[in-house]
Structure formats: C-alpha cells, structure tokens
C-alpha cells in the first residue's frame, strides 16, 4: 500500500461516514409532516451511502491483496 491509496481510501471512508450520518438524520422527518423534497433527499443519500460503502469494500479488498 502506498501513501496515495491510503489517502484515497480514507477520503472515501470519511465521505461514506458523513453521508450515512446525514441519511440517519434525514429518516425521522419522513414519519412526520415533511417537506416535498424530503423523500428524494433520503433516497439520494441512501444511494450515495450504498455506492460509497461498496467503494470502501472494493478498495479494502484491493489494498489487502
């Protein structure tokens, strides 16, 4: 593993963590009176968190080999 791949992995991991935190915070308003954009925001954050999570897994597997 070199320094560049470590930095890229850490960047993707931090981005995934922030996206997942935002997703967790955006879910409760769905069960109350919410703004019209709330559902789209939650779905977008869920898709982004899933994609970043998959990228973390792929990068981790590649760095181990």
C-alpha atoms as a PDB file:
ATOM      1  CA  UNK A   1       0.000   0.000   0.000  1.00  0.00           C
ATOM      2  CA  UNK A   2       1.305   3.385  -0.860  1.00  0.00           C
ATOM      3  CA  UNK A   3       0.504   6.782   0.603  1.00  0.00           C
ATOM      4  CA  UNK A   4      -1.804   7.805  -2.266  1.00  0.00           C
ATOM      5  CA  UNK A   5      -4.048   4.748  -1.945  1.00  0.00           C
ATOM      6  CA  UNK A   6      -4.225   5.207   1.828  1.00  0.00           C
ATOM      7  CA  UNK A   7      -5.329   8.816   1.408  1.00  0.00           C
ATOM      8  CA  UNK A   8      -7.930   7.889  -1.214  1.00  0.00           C
ATOM      9  CA  UNK A   9      -9.298   5.088   0.972  1.00  0.00           C
ATOM     10  CA  UNK A  10      -9.513   7.398   3.979  1.00  0.00           C
ATOM     11  CA  UNK A  11     -11.256  10.080   1.909  1.00  0.00           C
ATOM     12  CA  UNK A  12     -13.888   7.627   0.643  1.00  0.00           C
ATOM     13  CA  UNK A  13     -14.363   6.217   4.152  1.00  0.00           C
ATOM     14  CA  UNK A  14     -14.908   9.675   5.668  1.00  0.00           C
ATOM     15  CA  UNK A  15     -17.296  10.628   2.851  1.00  0.00           C
ATOM     16  CA  UNK A  16     -19.268   7.442   3.475  1.00  0.00           C
ATOM     17  CA  UNK A  17     -19.427   8.177   7.205  1.00  0.00           C
ATOM     18  CA  UNK A  18     -20.736  11.711   6.659  1.00  0.00           C
ATOM     19  CA  UNK A  19     -23.263  10.526   4.084  1.00  0.00           C
ATOM     20  CA  UNK A  20     -24.502   7.772   6.391  1.00  0.00           C
ATOM     21  CA  UNK A  21     -24.818  10.257   9.265  1.00  0.00           C
ATOM     22  CA  UNK A  22     -26.840  12.615   7.069  1.00  0.00           C
ATOM     23  CA  UNK A  23     -29.012   9.683   5.998  1.00  0.00           C
ATOM     24  CA  UNK A  24     -29.715   8.731   9.612  1.00  0.00           C
ATOM     25  CA  UNK A  25     -30.699  12.327  10.370  1.00  0.00           C
ATOM     26  CA  UNK A  26     -32.969  12.549   7.317  1.00  0.00           C
ATOM     27  CA  UNK A  27     -35.061   9.451   8.066  1.00  0.00           C
ATOM     28  CA  UNK A  28     -37.116  10.569  11.139  1.00  0.00           C
ATOM     29  CA  UNK A  29     -38.797  13.522   9.381  1.00  0.00           C
ATOM     30  CA  UNK A  30     -40.311  11.043   6.911  1.00  0.00           C
ATOM     31  CA  UNK A  31     -42.677   9.880   9.673  1.00  0.00           C
ATOM     32  CA  UNK A  32     -43.930  13.395  10.453  1.00  0.00           C
ATOM     33  CA  UNK A  33     -45.202  16.238   8.311  1.00  0.00           C
ATOM     34  CA  UNK A  34     -42.302  16.761   5.930  1.00  0.00           C
ATOM     35  CA  UNK A  35     -41.259  18.893   3.013  1.00  0.00           C
ATOM     36  CA  UNK A  36     -41.876  17.583  -0.517  1.00  0.00           C
ATOM     37  CA  UNK A  37     -38.149  17.174  -1.183  1.00  0.00           C
ATOM     38  CA  UNK A  38     -37.551  15.007   1.919  1.00  0.00           C
ATOM     39  CA  UNK A  39     -38.224  11.662   0.222  1.00  0.00           C
ATOM     40  CA  UNK A  40     -35.915  12.475  -2.691  1.00  0.00           C
ATOM     41  CA  UNK A  41     -33.193  13.621  -0.311  1.00  0.00           C
ATOM     42  CA  UNK A  42     -33.426  10.428   1.725  1.00  0.00           C
ATOM     43  CA  UNK A  43     -33.337   8.207  -1.355  1.00  0.00           C
ATOM     44  CA  UNK A  44     -30.387  10.120  -2.795  1.00  0.00           C
ATOM     45  CA  UNK A  45     -28.446   9.851   0.452  1.00  0.00           C
ATOM     46  CA  UNK A  46     -29.230   6.138   0.670  1.00  0.00           C
ATOM     47  CA  UNK A  47     -27.967   5.525  -2.864  1.00  0.00           C
ATOM     48  CA  UNK A  48     -24.828   7.590  -2.266  1.00  0.00           C
ATOM     49  CA  UNK A  49     -24.084   5.854   1.044  1.00  0.00           C
ATOM     50  CA  UNK A  50     -24.523   2.452  -0.614  1.00  0.00           C
ATOM     51  CA  UNK A  51     -22.231   3.357  -3.502  1.00  0.00           C
ATOM     52  CA  UNK A  52     -19.554   4.730  -1.176  1.00  0.00           C
ATOM     53  CA  UNK A  53     -19.856   1.659   1.041  1.00  0.00           C
ATOM     54  CA  UNK A  54     -19.305  -0.605  -1.952  1.00  0.00           C
ATOM     55  CA  UNK A  55     -16.307   1.518  -2.979  1.00  0.00           C
ATOM     56  CA  UNK A  56     -14.818   1.150   0.508  1.00  0.00           C
ATOM     57  CA  UNK A  57     -15.205  -2.623   0.355  1.00  0.00           C
ATOM     58  CA  UNK A  58     -13.628  -2.832  -3.092  1.00  0.00           C
ATOM     59  CA  UNK A  59     -10.739  -0.558  -2.116  1.00  0.00           C
ATOM     60  CA  UNK A  60     -10.156  -2.507   1.098  1.00  0.00           C
ATOM     61  CA  UNK A  61     -10.053  -5.825  -0.765  1.00  0.00           C
ATOM     62  CA  UNK A  62      -7.677  -4.372  -3.357  1.00  0.00           C
ATOM     63  CA  UNK A  63      -5.376  -2.954  -0.670  1.00  0.00           C
ATOM     64  CA  UNK A  64      -5.210  -6.288   1.163  1.00  0.00           C
ATOM     65  CA  UNK A  65      -4.061  -8.201  -1.912  1.00  0.00           C
END
